[in-house]
Amino acid sequence: MKRRIILIVFTLMSLISFSRAQSSQTDTLTLLAFRASSQENISGSDTLRKDALNVFFPSADSFVKKEITFINYVRDLKEADVYIISTYEPTGSGGDSYTFFLVGQNRCSGMTDTIRVTASPDDTEDIIRTRRVNALKMGFMRYMLKTPLARYFDVRFTQPVKETVETDKWNNWVFRTNISGDLNGEKRFKSIRLNGSTSAFRVTEQSKFQTYLSLSWSKEKFEMNDSTIENSITTSQGINTYYVKSINDHWSVGFSTGLSASSYGSYDLRYRLTPAIEYDIFPYSESTRRQFRIMYEAGYNYNDYSDTTIYNKLTEHLWLHELTASWEVVQKWGSVDFTLSWLNYFHDWSKNNLGASLYLSIRIFKGLNINFMGGASIINDQLSLPKGGVSDTDILLRRRITETKFNYYGYFGFSYTFGSIYNNAVNPRFGW
């Protein structure tokens, strides 16, 4: 009897062990199959990534990278199949026109495209960025045909087209009003600023009209160590109007006029009217990529000063002219914006002003970029300087114009990046 019981127990233990072994073998096979399947998927995904279009797009932000995932964002221009130059210009409606120049190289050599996206002034940031991304996606399609990824795309049109075009009841006129202000303070300092502006403009390919009305008022209060209170109030107001008429793709004519007053500049009233003519060496149609504009202005200037000037004048009728040359270029190596101007008065050619400004952003070589912004002027035309001078407080608080022969400003920076040429991942965690 005991032998039978021992035999039965042994048999049951053998069956359990066999079952466990079979289960373990099955789990092992399943795990191996899962691993094999995962490795196959990873391998396929990695192959797609390697075959994807390499794009040099330094201005691509996190939203672009999240929405356009079928390309490789590379840091090295030489590794790119396509490089993108992006620019933007203000439109007549007060919005912006974004232009993307797609230039092919390597396996996309010889291919170029220009994509333009226009945003109205009431578009939100999300609407604008979504519209730009959708335009870029469509722009990439021609280049994606050069890659094995082309078979994974399905292009669809989601909105029916109207057969008629609605008439613009405003006839391209746009009006805008803005009111703003700020205040801050602490125990011994308080300040308040108010600003307002109204504008009307109409911009077409043949002409451009703009008029601006602006007002500003600011007050600052300081408590000194000896308990004296110093109040600083500055005001300015003005209206300016500009009109430009297109002659052809290189020539334009127009005029500018303005009426203003400024407590800082020591003007109770200032009026200026200057007709102008401009020539662009490059066609205006290429303005988003390159410009070399030469503009000449000549006209009338009336000044009514707040105080008697160092030239013993309270009012003056003046004639002046100004010559300005501007060079702007945007290329794959970077961008340059340089302006040089000369102004002088006819009654005394020693009363003149020479100014220059420069913005520079250049890619020196792989990973190294340099940025510079600055300007300077040689000043000999301060006709409104008060004869009685200005107080130390006015100088300290910058309430009144002061005598100077020059001014300048500047900024520069270098950046160097090295490592992986790919820059596809976006990780918003922690906001870092």
Protein backbone atom coordinates (compact mmCIF):
# COMPACT_ATOMS: atom_id res chain seq x y z
CA MET A 1 0.00 0.00 0.00
CA LYS A 2 2.76 2.43 0.96
CA ARG A 3 4.55 1.63 -2.30
CA ARG A 4 1.39 2.49 -4.31
CA ILE A 5 1.07 5.81 -2.51
CA ILE A 6 4.74 6.64 -3.10
CA LEU A 7 4.36 5.68 -6.79
CA ILE A 8 1.28 7.91 -7.20
CA VAL A 9 3.00 10.87 -5.52
CA PHE A 10 6.11 10.41 -7.67
CA THR A 11 3.97 10.24 -10.82
CA LEU A 12 2.11 13.45 -9.90
CA MET A 13 5.37 15.28 -9.17
CA SER A 14 6.75 14.16 -12.52
CA LEU A 15 3.66 15.46 -14.33
CA ILE A 16 3.86 18.82 -12.52
CA SER A 17 7.57 19.16 -13.34
CA PHE A 18 6.92 18.30 -16.99
CA SER A 19 4.08 20.83 -17.14
CA ARG A 20 6.29 23.52 -15.63
CA ALA A 21 9.05 22.72 -18.08
CA GLN A 22 6.65 22.93 -21.02
CA SER A 23 5.27 26.23 -19.71
CA SER A 24 8.78 27.63 -19.23
CA GLN A 25 9.76 26.53 -22.71
CA THR A 26 6.63 28.15 -24.15
CA ASP A 27 7.31 31.41 -22.26
CA THR A 28 10.91 31.33 -23.46
CA LEU A 29 9.79 30.83 -27.05
CA THR A 30 7.18 33.59 -26.70
CA LEU A 31 9.78 35.98 -25.23
CA LEU A 32 12.23 35.13 -27.98
CA ALA A 33 9.51 35.67 -30.57
CA PHE A 34 8.59 39.02 -28.96
CA ARG A 35 12.22 40.09 -28.88
CA ALA A 36 12.68 39.06 -32.48
CA SER A 37 9.52 40.98 -33.48
CA SER A 38 10.63 44.05 -31.50
CA GLN A 39 14.09 43.97 -33.02
CA GLU A 40 12.53 43.63 -36.46
CA ASN A 41 10.26 46.69 -35.84
CA ILE A 42 13.16 48.70 -34.41
CA SER A 43 15.33 47.70 -37.33
CA GLY A 44 12.61 48.73 -39.80
CA SER A 45 12.04 52.04 -38.04
CA ASP A 46 15.77 52.69 -37.93
CA THR A 47 15.99 51.95 -41.66
CA LEU A 48 13.23 54.48 -42.34
CA ARG A 49 15.02 57.05 -40.21
CA LYS A 50 18.29 56.49 -42.07
CA ASP A 51 16.52 56.80 -45.42
CA ALA A 52 14.68 59.99 -44.37
CA LEU A 53 15.46 63.35 -45.86
CA ASN A 54 18.31 65.19 -44.08
CA VAL A 55 17.26 68.82 -43.62
CA PHE A 56 19.32 71.73 -42.32
CA PHE A 57 16.71 74.00 -40.73
CA PRO A 58 18.34 75.96 -37.88
CA SER A 59 15.22 77.99 -37.09
CA ALA A 60 13.00 74.93 -36.60
CA ASP A 61 11.37 75.06 -33.17
CA SER A 62 9.93 72.27 -31.01
CA PHE A 63 6.49 72.53 -32.62
CA VAL A 64 7.93 72.01 -36.11
CA LYS A 65 9.95 69.00 -34.97
CA LYS A 66 6.93 67.45 -33.27
CA GLU A 67 4.67 67.93 -36.28
CA ILE A 68 7.12 67.09 -39.08
CA THR A 69 8.69 63.82 -37.98
CA PHE A 70 9.45 62.26 -41.38
CA ILE A 71 12.73 64.17 -41.87
CA ASN A 72 16.07 64.26 -40.06
CA TYR A 73 16.97 67.65 -38.60
CA VAL A 74 20.74 67.80 -39.05
CA ARG A 75 23.12 70.38 -37.59
CA ASP A 76 25.70 70.19 -40.37
CA LEU A 77 24.88 71.94 -43.64
CA LYS A 78 27.11 69.58 -45.61
CA GLU A 79 25.09 66.54 -44.47
CA ALA A 80 21.79 68.01 -45.61
CA ASP A 81 19.80 67.00 -48.70
CA VAL A 82 17.79 70.21 -48.32
CA TYR A 83 18.60 73.42 -46.49
CA ILE A 84 15.97 76.00 -45.58
CA ILE A 85 16.37 79.77 -45.37
CA SER A 86 13.46 81.46 -43.60
CA THR A 87 12.58 85.15 -43.65
CA TYR A 88 9.55 87.27 -42.83
CA GLU A 89 8.24 90.71 -43.76
CA PRO A 90 5.30 92.78 -42.46
CA THR A 91 2.24 92.91 -44.72
CA GLY A 92 0.00 95.84 -45.50
CA SER A 93 -2.74 94.45 -43.24
CA GLY A 94 -0.46 94.54 -40.21
CA GLY A 95 0.29 90.81 -40.29
CA ASP A 96 3.38 88.97 -41.47
CA SER A 97 4.45 87.15 -44.61
CA TYR A 98 6.75 84.19 -43.91
CA THR A 99 8.96 82.91 -46.73
CA PHE A 100 10.81 79.59 -46.75
CA PHE A 101 13.44 78.96 -49.43
CA LEU A 102 14.07 75.23 -49.93
CA VAL A 103 17.35 74.49 -51.72
CA GLY A 104 18.36 70.95 -52.61
CA GLN A 105 21.84 69.46 -52.56
CA ASN A 106 23.41 65.98 -52.42
CA ARG A 107 20.62 63.59 -53.56
CA CYS A 108 18.26 66.55 -54.14
CA SER A 109 20.78 68.63 -56.05
CA GLY A 110 19.27 71.11 -58.52
CA MET A 111 15.87 71.31 -56.81
CA THR A 112 14.64 74.62 -55.34
CA ASP A 113 11.29 75.85 -54.08
CA THR A 114 9.85 78.96 -52.41
CA ILE A 115 6.99 78.68 -49.90
CA ARG A 116 5.09 81.70 -48.63
CA VAL A 117 2.66 81.81 -45.72
CA THR A 118 0.69 84.94 -44.89
CA ALA A 119 -0.71 85.63 -41.42
CA SER A 120 -3.34 88.27 -40.66
CA PRO A 121 -2.92 90.52 -37.60
CA ASP A 122 -5.74 88.77 -35.71
CA ASP A 123 -4.35 85.24 -36.19
CA THR A 124 -3.28 83.54 -32.98
CA GLU A 125 0.16 82.00 -32.53
CA ASP A 126 -1.32 78.49 -32.89
CA ILE A 127 -3.05 79.34 -36.16
CA ILE A 128 0.16 80.85 -37.58
CA ARG A 129 2.46 77.99 -36.57
CA THR A 130 -0.02 75.35 -37.80
CA ARG A 131 -0.33 77.10 -41.15
CA ARG A 132 3.46 77.28 -41.49
CA VAL A 133 3.88 73.59 -40.65
CA ASN A 134 1.22 72.52 -43.14
CA ALA A 135 2.87 74.58 -45.87
CA LEU A 136 6.27 73.06 -45.08
CA LYS A 137 4.82 69.54 -45.16
CA MET A 138 3.50 70.16 -48.67
CA GLY A 139 6.78 71.73 -49.68
CA PHE A 140 8.72 68.64 -48.61
CA MET A 141 6.67 66.25 -50.77
CA ARG A 142 8.65 66.84 -53.97
CA TYR A 143 11.84 66.03 -52.11
CA MET A 144 10.38 63.01 -50.32
CA LEU A 145 9.88 61.38 -53.74
CA LYS A 146 13.66 61.01 -53.77
CA THR A 147 13.49 58.74 -50.69
CA PRO A 148 12.03 55.28 -49.93
CA LEU A 149 9.61 56.99 -47.52
CA ALA A 150 7.52 58.32 -50.42
CA ARG A 151 5.24 55.25 -50.43
CA TYR A 152 4.05 56.01 -46.89
CA PHE A 153 2.43 59.36 -47.76
CA ASP A 154 -1.21 60.04 -48.56
CA VAL A 155 -1.97 63.62 -49.69
CA ARG A 156 -5.57 64.84 -49.37
CA PHE A 157 -7.47 68.09 -49.93
CA THR A 158 -9.99 68.78 -47.14
CA GLN A 159 -11.80 71.95 -48.18
CA PRO A 160 -14.01 72.49 -51.26
CA VAL A 161 -13.02 75.48 -53.41
CA LYS A 162 -15.51 78.29 -53.98
CA GLU A 163 -16.23 79.15 -57.59
CA THR A 164 -16.34 82.90 -56.94
CA VAL A 165 -14.02 85.32 -55.11
CA GLU A 166 -15.58 87.68 -52.58
CA THR A 167 -14.93 91.40 -53.10
CA ASP A 168 -12.87 93.18 -50.44
CA LYS A 169 -15.28 95.80 -49.08
CA TRP A 170 -12.39 97.61 -47.37
CA ASN A 171 -10.39 97.92 -50.60
CA ASN A 172 -7.13 96.89 -48.82
CA TRP A 173 -7.48 99.53 -46.10
CA VAL A 174 -6.49 98.41 -42.60
CA PHE A 175 -6.96 100.40 -39.38
CA ARG A 176 -5.43 99.70 -36.00
CA THR A 177 -5.63 101.29 -32.55
CA ASN A 178 -3.39 100.48 -29.62
CA ILE A 179 -3.42 101.65 -26.00
CA SER A 180 -0.88 100.42 -23.46
CA GLY A 181 0.61 101.35 -20.14
CA ASP A 182 2.81 100.10 -17.35
CA LEU A 183 3.60 101.04 -13.79
CA ASN A 184 6.02 99.91 -11.13
CA GLY A 185 7.22 101.18 -7.82
CA GLU A 186 8.91 100.65 -4.49
CA LYS A 187 9.45 102.72 -1.36
CA ARG A 188 11.51 105.49 -2.97
CA PHE A 189 10.65 105.15 -6.63
CA LYS A 190 7.43 105.15 -8.66
CA SER A 191 6.79 105.33 -12.38
CA ILE A 192 3.88 105.23 -14.77
CA ARG A 193 3.87 105.21 -18.58
CA LEU A 194 0.98 105.56 -21.00
CA ASN A 195 1.14 105.02 -24.76
CA GLY A 196 -1.43 105.23 -27.50
CA SER A 197 -1.36 104.93 -31.27
CA THR A 198 -3.68 104.84 -34.25
CA SER A 199 -2.70 103.83 -37.75
CA ALA A 200 -4.24 103.48 -41.17
CA PHE A 201 -2.53 101.87 -44.12
CA ARG A 202 -3.19 100.47 -47.55
CA VAL A 203 -0.56 98.30 -49.23
CA THR A 204 -0.78 96.82 -52.72
CA GLU A 205 1.86 95.76 -55.23
CA GLN A 206 1.55 99.14 -56.96
CA SER A 207 1.49 101.54 -54.01
CA LYS A 208 1.87 101.86 -50.26
CA PHE A 209 0.22 104.41 -47.97
CA GLN A 210 0.78 104.53 -44.19
CA THR A 211 -0.15 107.05 -41.54
CA TYR A 212 0.55 106.84 -37.80
CA LEU A 213 -0.61 108.91 -34.85
CA SER A 214 1.24 108.28 -31.58
CA LEU A 215 1.11 109.74 -28.07
CA SER A 216 3.25 108.94 -25.04
CA TRP A 217 3.39 110.27 -21.48
CA SER A 218 5.56 109.13 -18.59
CA LYS A 219 6.11 110.26 -15.01
CA GLU A 220 8.78 109.11 -12.58
CA LYS A 221 9.03 110.04 -8.91
CA PHE A 222 12.24 109.74 -6.88
CA GLU A 223 12.83 110.29 -3.16
CA MET A 224 16.38 111.41 -2.44
CA ASN A 225 18.45 110.85 0.73
CA ASP A 226 17.70 114.37 1.94
CA SER A 227 13.97 113.61 1.55
CA THR A 228 13.56 115.86 -1.49
CA ILE A 229 11.12 114.65 -4.14
CA GLU A 230 12.14 114.74 -7.78
CA ASN A 231 9.44 114.35 -10.43
CA SER A 232 10.35 113.56 -14.01
CA ILE A 233 7.73 113.98 -16.75
CA THR A 234 8.32 113.44 -20.46
CA THR A 235 5.83 113.65 -23.30
CA SER A 236 5.87 113.16 -27.05
CA GLN A 237 3.26 113.10 -29.79
CA GLY A 238 3.36 112.94 -33.53
CA ILE A 239 1.66 112.02 -36.77
CA ASN A 240 3.62 110.68 -39.74
CA THR A 241 2.48 109.82 -43.25
CA TYR A 242 4.29 107.90 -45.99
CA TYR A 243 3.36 107.22 -49.59
CA VAL A 244 5.25 105.13 -52.16
CA LYS A 245 4.36 104.52 -55.79
CA SER A 246 5.90 101.64 -57.74
CA ILE A 247 7.33 102.59 -61.13
CA ASN A 248 8.81 99.21 -62.09
CA ASP A 249 10.72 96.36 -60.46
CA HIS A 250 13.67 98.66 -59.63
CA TRP A 251 12.33 102.22 -59.21
CA SER A 252 9.91 103.82 -56.73
CA VAL A 253 8.90 107.39 -55.85
CA GLY A 254 7.08 108.81 -52.87
CA PHE A 255 7.15 111.23 -49.98
CA SER A 256 7.10 111.38 -46.20
CA THR A 257 5.64 114.07 -43.97
CA GLY A 258 5.33 114.43 -40.24
CA LEU A 259 4.18 116.71 -37.44
CA SER A 260 5.57 116.12 -33.93
CA ALA A 261 6.42 117.53 -30.50
CA SER A 262 8.85 116.23 -27.89
CA SER A 263 9.82 117.48 -24.44
CA TYR A 264 13.03 115.43 -24.63
CA GLY A 265 14.03 116.83 -28.03
CA SER A 266 13.05 120.36 -26.95
CA TYR A 267 10.50 120.78 -29.75
CA ASP A 268 7.09 122.38 -29.23
CA LEU A 269 6.35 121.71 -32.87
CA ARG A 270 8.26 120.14 -35.73
CA TYR A 271 7.06 119.70 -39.32
CA ARG A 272 8.83 117.91 -42.15
CA LEU A 273 7.97 117.19 -45.80
CA THR A 274 10.44 115.30 -48.01
CA PRO A 275 9.72 113.83 -51.44
CA ALA A 276 11.91 110.81 -52.21
CA ILE A 277 13.06 108.47 -54.97
CA GLU A 278 14.55 105.00 -54.59
CA TYR A 279 16.41 102.55 -56.81
CA ASP A 280 16.96 98.88 -55.96
CA ILE A 281 19.86 97.25 -57.83
CA PHE A 282 18.10 93.91 -57.43
CA PRO A 283 14.45 93.41 -58.44
CA TYR A 284 11.95 94.19 -55.68
CA SER A 285 10.49 90.73 -56.30
CA GLU A 286 13.66 89.28 -54.72
CA SER A 287 13.38 91.44 -51.58
CA THR A 288 13.12 88.50 -49.18
CA ARG A 289 16.51 87.19 -50.34
CA ARG A 290 18.49 90.29 -51.31
CA GLN A 291 18.16 94.06 -51.59
CA PHE A 292 20.46 96.96 -52.40
CA ARG A 293 18.33 100.07 -52.12
CA ILE A 294 19.55 103.64 -52.66
CA MET A 295 17.11 106.35 -51.57
CA TYR A 296 17.40 110.12 -51.92
CA GLU A 297 15.17 112.57 -50.03
CA ALA A 298 15.06 116.38 -50.15
CA GLY A 299 12.59 118.74 -48.55
CA TYR A 300 11.43 121.29 -46.01
CA ASN A 301 11.73 121.30 -42.20
CA TYR A 302 10.06 123.75 -39.76
CA ASN A 303 11.13 123.80 -36.08
CA ASP A 304 9.46 125.59 -33.16
CA TYR A 305 11.76 125.10 -30.18
CA SER A 306 10.79 124.87 -26.49
CA ASP A 307 13.68 127.18 -25.47
CA THR A 308 16.05 129.54 -27.23
CA THR A 309 18.71 127.38 -28.86
CA ILE A 310 22.48 127.73 -28.74
CA TYR A 311 22.09 129.38 -32.18
CA ASN A 312 19.68 132.00 -30.70
CA LYS A 313 16.68 130.55 -32.51
CA LEU A 314 13.12 130.00 -31.33
CA THR A 315 11.82 129.01 -34.76
CA GLU A 316 13.52 127.99 -38.01
CA HIS A 317 12.61 127.27 -41.63
CA LEU A 318 15.14 124.81 -43.05
CA TRP A 319 15.86 122.86 -46.20
CA LEU A 320 17.63 119.53 -46.05
CA HIS A 321 18.39 116.37 -47.96
CA GLU A 322 19.33 112.78 -47.06
CA LEU A 323 20.94 109.88 -48.91
CA THR A 324 20.50 106.31 -47.63
CA ALA A 325 21.95 103.04 -48.92
CA SER A 326 20.71 99.71 -47.55
CA TRP A 327 22.10 96.26 -48.33
CA GLU A 328 20.28 93.15 -47.15
CA VAL A 329 21.09 89.57 -48.05
CA VAL A 330 19.89 86.19 -46.74
CA GLN A 331 21.88 83.11 -47.79
CA LYS A 332 22.62 79.62 -46.46
CA TRP A 333 25.70 80.94 -44.67
CA GLY A 334 23.69 83.57 -42.79
CA SER A 335 22.31 87.07 -43.24
CA VAL A 336 23.56 90.65 -43.41
CA ASP A 337 21.63 93.91 -43.05
CA PHE A 338 23.72 97.08 -43.45
CA THR A 339 22.49 100.67 -43.73
CA LEU A 340 24.51 103.85 -44.29
CA SER A 341 22.91 107.32 -44.26
CA TRP A 342 24.01 110.93 -44.70
CA LEU A 343 21.92 114.02 -43.87
CA ASN A 344 22.75 117.72 -43.99
CA TYR A 345 21.05 121.12 -44.07
CA PHE A 346 21.47 123.39 -47.09
CA HIS A 347 21.86 126.61 -45.09
CA ASP A 348 25.00 125.24 -43.39
CA TRP A 349 26.62 122.06 -44.72
CA SER A 350 28.53 121.64 -41.45
CA LYS A 351 25.19 120.73 -39.84
CA ASN A 352 25.16 117.09 -40.84
CA ASN A 353 24.72 113.55 -39.57
CA LEU A 354 26.46 110.37 -40.74
CA GLY A 355 25.04 107.12 -39.43
CA ALA A 356 25.54 103.40 -39.99
CA SER A 357 23.92 100.25 -38.63
CA LEU A 358 24.78 96.58 -39.11
CA TYR A 359 23.13 93.27 -38.29
CA LEU A 360 25.24 90.20 -38.99
CA SER A 361 24.53 86.50 -38.44
CA ILE A 362 27.06 84.17 -40.06
CA ARG A 363 27.88 80.48 -39.86
CA ILE A 364 31.70 80.41 -39.88
CA PHE A 365 32.02 76.63 -40.15
CA LYS A 366 30.31 73.52 -38.80
CA GLY A 367 28.87 74.37 -35.40
CA LEU A 368 30.38 77.87 -35.07
CA ASN A 369 28.11 80.89 -35.45
CA ILE A 370 28.71 84.59 -34.90
CA ASN A 371 26.06 87.26 -34.33
CA PHE A 372 26.55 91.01 -34.25
CA MET A 373 24.22 93.98 -34.09
CA GLY A 374 25.34 97.57 -33.76
CA GLY A 375 25.35 101.09 -35.03
CA ALA A 376 27.04 104.45 -34.70
CA SER A 377 26.53 108.07 -35.74
CA ILE A 378 28.67 111.17 -36.12
CA ILE A 379 26.36 113.98 -34.99
CA ASN A 380 26.67 117.61 -36.08
CA ASP A 381 23.00 118.55 -36.45
CA GLN A 382 21.68 119.14 -32.91
CA LEU A 383 19.85 122.36 -33.76
CA SER A 384 17.47 122.21 -30.78
CA LEU A 385 20.06 122.30 -27.96
CA PRO A 386 18.80 124.84 -25.37
CA LYS A 387 21.01 127.88 -24.85
CA GLY A 388 20.65 127.69 -21.10
CA GLY A 389 21.96 124.14 -20.96
CA VAL A 390 20.44 121.30 -18.97
CA SER A 391 20.62 120.45 -15.28
CA ASP A 392 22.47 117.51 -13.81
CA THR A 393 19.11 115.99 -12.91
CA ASP A 394 17.95 116.26 -16.53
CA ILE A 395 21.15 114.52 -17.64
CA LEU A 396 20.81 111.78 -15.02
CA LEU A 397 17.15 111.10 -15.77
CA ARG A 398 17.55 111.68 -19.53
CA ARG A 399 14.71 114.19 -19.62
CA ARG A 400 16.33 116.57 -22.14
CA ILE A 401 18.60 116.28 -25.13
CA THR A 402 22.30 116.86 -24.34
CA GLU A 403 25.22 117.89 -26.52
CA THR A 404 27.18 115.06 -28.13
CA LYS A 405 29.27 114.49 -31.24
CA PHE A 406 28.53 110.77 -31.50
CA ASN A 407 26.47 107.86 -30.29
CA TYR A 408 26.84 104.10 -30.63
CA TYR A 409 25.37 100.79 -29.52
CA GLY A 410 26.36 97.20 -30.06
CA TYR A 411 25.88 93.53 -29.27
CA PHE A 412 27.91 90.47 -30.24
CA GLY A 413 27.89 86.76 -29.49
CA PHE A 414 29.49 83.49 -30.47
CA SER A 415 28.06 79.99 -30.23
CA TYR A 416 29.67 76.62 -30.89
CA THR A 417 27.84 73.29 -31.06
CA PHE A 418 29.36 69.85 -31.62
CA GLY A 419 28.29 66.21 -31.32
CA SER A 420 25.61 64.26 -33.18
CA ILE A 421 24.51 65.75 -36.48
CA TYR A 422 20.90 64.68 -35.82
CA ASN A 423 18.55 66.87 -33.84
CA ASN A 424 15.11 65.21 -34.13
CA ALA A 425 13.98 64.56 -30.55
CA VAL A 426 11.76 66.94 -28.59
CA ASN A 427 11.35 66.46 -24.83
CA PRO A 428 9.31 69.14 -22.98
CA ARG A 429 9.56 67.58 -19.49
CA PHE A 430 10.26 69.97 -16.59
CA GLY A 431 10.31 72.82 -19.09
CA TRP A 432 14.09 72.48 -19.40
